[in-house]
C-alpha atoms as a PDB file:
ATOM      1  CA  MET A   1       0.010  -0.075   0.008  1.00  0.00           C
ATOM      2  CA  SER A   2       1.183   3.465  -0.882  1.00  0.00           C
ATOM      3  CA  ARG A   3       0.594   6.299   1.491  1.00  0.00           C
ATOM      4  CA  SER A   4      -0.618   9.586   0.634  1.00  0.00           C
ATOM      5  CA  ASN A   5       0.780  12.918   1.171  1.00  0.00           C
ATOM      6  CA  ARG A   6      -2.522  14.215   3.075  1.00  0.00           C
ATOM      7  CA  PRO A   7      -2.046  15.222   6.587  1.00  0.00           C
ATOM      8  CA  GLY A   8      -3.546  13.018   9.326  1.00  0.00           C
ATOM      9  CA  LEU A   9      -6.800  13.992  11.153  1.00  0.00           C
ATOM     10  CA  GLY A  10      -4.953  14.735  14.229  1.00  0.00           C
ATOM     11  CA  ALA A  11      -2.691  17.500  12.524  1.00  0.00           C
ATOM     12  CA  VAL A  12      -5.613  19.129  10.928  1.00  0.00           C
ATOM     13  CA  ALA A  13      -7.777  19.193  14.365  1.00  0.00           C
ATOM     14  CA  PHE A  14      -4.720  20.743  16.004  1.00  0.00           C
ATOM     15  CA  PHE A  15      -3.992  23.472  13.538  1.00  0.00           C
ATOM     16  CA  SER A  16      -7.878  24.052  13.467  1.00  0.00           C
ATOM     17  CA  VAL A  17      -7.889  24.613  17.258  1.00  0.00           C
ATOM     18  CA  ALA A  18      -4.505  26.544  16.994  1.00  0.00           C
ATOM     19  CA  PHE A  19      -6.106  28.739  14.606  1.00  0.00           C
ATOM     20  CA  MET A  20      -9.367  29.278  16.451  1.00  0.00           C
ATOM     21  CA  LEU A  21      -7.532  30.247  19.575  1.00  0.00           C
ATOM     22  CA  GLY A  22      -5.440  32.606  17.632  1.00  0.00           C
ATOM     23  CA  VAL A  23      -8.594  34.326  16.221  1.00  0.00           C
ATOM     24  CA  TYR A  24     -10.270  34.524  19.533  1.00  0.00           C
ATOM     25  CA  PHE A  25      -7.410  36.053  21.303  1.00  0.00           C
ATOM     26  CA  THR A  26      -6.717  38.570  18.658  1.00  0.00           C
ATOM     27  CA  PHE A  27     -10.543  39.465  18.749  1.00  0.00           C
ATOM     28  CA  ALA A  28     -10.451  39.781  22.584  1.00  0.00           C
ATOM     29  CA  ALA A  29      -7.226  41.913  22.352  1.00  0.00           C
ATOM     30  CA  VAL A  30      -8.829  44.404  20.018  1.00  0.00           C
ATOM     31  CA  GLN A  31     -12.541  44.420  21.152  1.00  0.00           C
ATOM     32  CA  GLY A  32     -12.580  42.740  24.412  1.00  0.00           C
ATOM     33  CA  ASP A  33     -12.996  44.640  27.883  1.00  0.00           C
ATOM     34  CA  TYR A  34      -9.459  45.346  28.380  1.00  0.00           C
ATOM     35  CA  GLY A  35      -8.790  45.670  24.447  1.00  0.00           C
ATOM     36  CA  LEU A  36      -7.405  48.496  22.192  1.00  0.00           C
ATOM     37  CA  PHE A  37     -11.101  49.776  21.727  1.00  0.00           C
ATOM     38  CA  ARG A  38     -11.872  50.148  25.359  1.00  0.00           C
ATOM     39  CA  ARG A  39      -8.752  51.664  26.138  1.00  0.00           C
ATOM     40  CA  ILE A  40      -9.078  54.343  23.473  1.00  0.00           C
ATOM     41  CA  GLU A  41     -12.828  54.913  24.994  1.00  0.00           C
ATOM     42  CA  ILE A  42     -11.303  55.269  28.489  1.00  0.00           C
ATOM     43  CA  SER A  43      -8.632  57.582  27.133  1.00  0.00           C
ATOM     44  CA  ALA A  44     -11.487  59.944  25.642  1.00  0.00           C
ATOM     45  CA  GLU A  45     -13.575  59.640  28.722  1.00  0.00           C
ATOM     46  CA  ARG A  46     -10.601  60.638  30.950  1.00  0.00           C
ATOM     47  CA  ASP A  47      -9.902  63.667  28.598  1.00  0.00           C
ATOM     48  CA  ALA A  48     -13.676  64.792  28.901  1.00  0.00           C
ATOM     49  CA  LEU A  49     -13.667  64.370  32.630  1.00  0.00           C
ATOM     50  CA  SER A  50     -10.542  66.398  33.125  1.00  0.00           C
ATOM     51  CA  ARG A  51     -12.002  68.992  31.074  1.00  0.00           C
ATOM     52  CA  ASP A  52     -15.089  69.096  33.431  1.00  0.00           C
ATOM     53  CA  LEU A  53     -12.811  69.062  36.319  1.00  0.00           C
ATOM     54  CA  ALA A  54     -11.074  72.238  35.328  1.00  0.00           C
ATOM     55  CA  ALA A  55     -14.289  73.992  34.497  1.00  0.00           C
ATOM     56  CA  LEU A  56     -15.647  73.063  37.990  1.00  0.00           C
ATOM     57  CA  ASN A  57     -12.309  74.259  39.585  1.00  0.00           C
ATOM     58  CA  ALA A  58     -12.782  77.611  37.883  1.00  0.00           C
ATOM     59  CA  ASP A  59     -16.355  77.802  39.125  1.00  0.00           C
ATOM     60  CA  ILE A  60     -15.455  76.954  42.449  1.00  0.00           C
ATOM     61  CA  ALA A  61     -12.339  79.649  42.345  1.00  0.00           C
ATOM     62  CA  ARG A  62     -15.142  82.372  41.233  1.00  0.00           C
ATOM     63  CA  MET A  63     -17.497  81.427  43.767  1.00  0.00           C
ATOM     64  CA  GLU A  64     -14.619  81.708  46.490  1.00  0.00           C
ATOM     65  CA  ASN A  65     -13.837  84.944  45.330  1.00  0.00           C
ATOM     66  CA  LEU A  66     -17.418  86.351  45.421  1.00  0.00           C
ATOM     67  CA  THR A  67     -17.663  84.855  48.825  1.00  0.00           C
ATOM     68  CA  ARG A  68     -14.654  86.419  50.254  1.00  0.00           C
ATOM     69  CA  ARG A  69     -15.573  89.819  48.631  1.00  0.00           C
ATOM     70  CA  LEU A  70     -19.198  89.660  50.439  1.00  0.00           C
ATOM     71  CA  SER A  71     -17.588  88.389  53.931  1.00  0.00           C
ATOM     72  CA  ASP A  72     -17.493  90.484  56.821  1.00  0.00           C
ATOM     73  CA  THR A  73     -13.500  91.143  56.966  1.00  0.00           C
ATOM     74  CA  TYR A  74     -13.868  92.449  53.134  1.00  0.00           C
ATOM     75  CA  LEU A  75     -16.657  94.077  51.837  1.00  0.00           C
ATOM     76  CA  ASP A  76     -16.807  94.970  48.129  1.00  0.00           C
ATOM     77  CA  LEU A  77     -19.468  97.768  47.964  1.00  0.00           C
ATOM     78  CA  ASP A  78     -19.784  97.483  44.176  1.00  0.00           C
ATOM     79  CA  LEU A  79     -20.618  93.885  44.595  1.00  0.00           C
ATOM     80  CA  LEU A  80     -22.937  94.608  47.166  1.00  0.00           C
ATOM     81  CA  ASP A  81     -24.590  97.060  45.266  1.00  0.00           C
ATOM     82  CA  GLN A  82     -24.928  94.665  42.400  1.00  0.00           C
ATOM     83  CA  GLN A  83     -26.473  92.071  44.558  1.00  0.00           C
ATOM     84  CA  ALA A  84     -28.968  94.299  46.060  1.00  0.00           C
ATOM     85  CA  ARG A  85     -30.007  95.338  42.468  1.00  0.00           C
ATOM     86  CA  THR A  86     -30.353  91.902  41.142  1.00  0.00           C
ATOM     87  CA  VAL A  87     -32.089  90.320  44.387  1.00  0.00           C
ATOM     88  CA  LEU A  88     -33.816  92.988  45.706  1.00  0.00           C
ATOM     89  CA  GLY A  89     -34.785  94.807  42.645  1.00  0.00           C
ATOM     90  CA  MET A  90     -33.566  98.007  44.132  1.00  0.00           C
ATOM     91  CA  ILE A  91     -32.654 101.242  42.342  1.00  0.00           C
ATOM     92  CA  ARG A  92     -31.063 104.676  43.387  1.00  0.00           C
ATOM     93  CA  ALA A  93     -32.910 107.654  43.744  1.00  0.00           C
ATOM     94  CA  ASP A  94     -31.162 109.527  40.792  1.00  0.00           C
ATOM     95  CA  GLU A  95     -31.803 106.527  38.166  1.00  0.00           C
ATOM     96  CA  ILE A  96     -34.684 106.355  35.810  1.00  0.00           C
ATOM     97  CA  VAL A  97     -36.203 102.882  34.984  1.00  0.00           C
ATOM     98  CA  ILE A  98     -37.326 102.255  31.611  1.00  0.00           C
ATOM     99  CA  ARG A  99     -39.435  99.389  30.999  1.00  0.00           C
END
């Protein structure tokens, strides 16, 4: 009997399993929970949150400045006048209101 050059069933099964594992791990490395796409999403989210944090810190600094300017130790009369006009709707005696 002559032997053919076809690979045996075991070799085909081995290479098929190896190929499928390679495909699976490649897919997981790109699109899995810890893959490249998820890493890009996390980086973009980090950048957006950093911008939000910077905006919030600026708002906090502005509010702290306004609070300090209206405190008992330091009173800004222009700011007090502006707040009285805005909140209480007050005007000076020499002003004319146009509606």
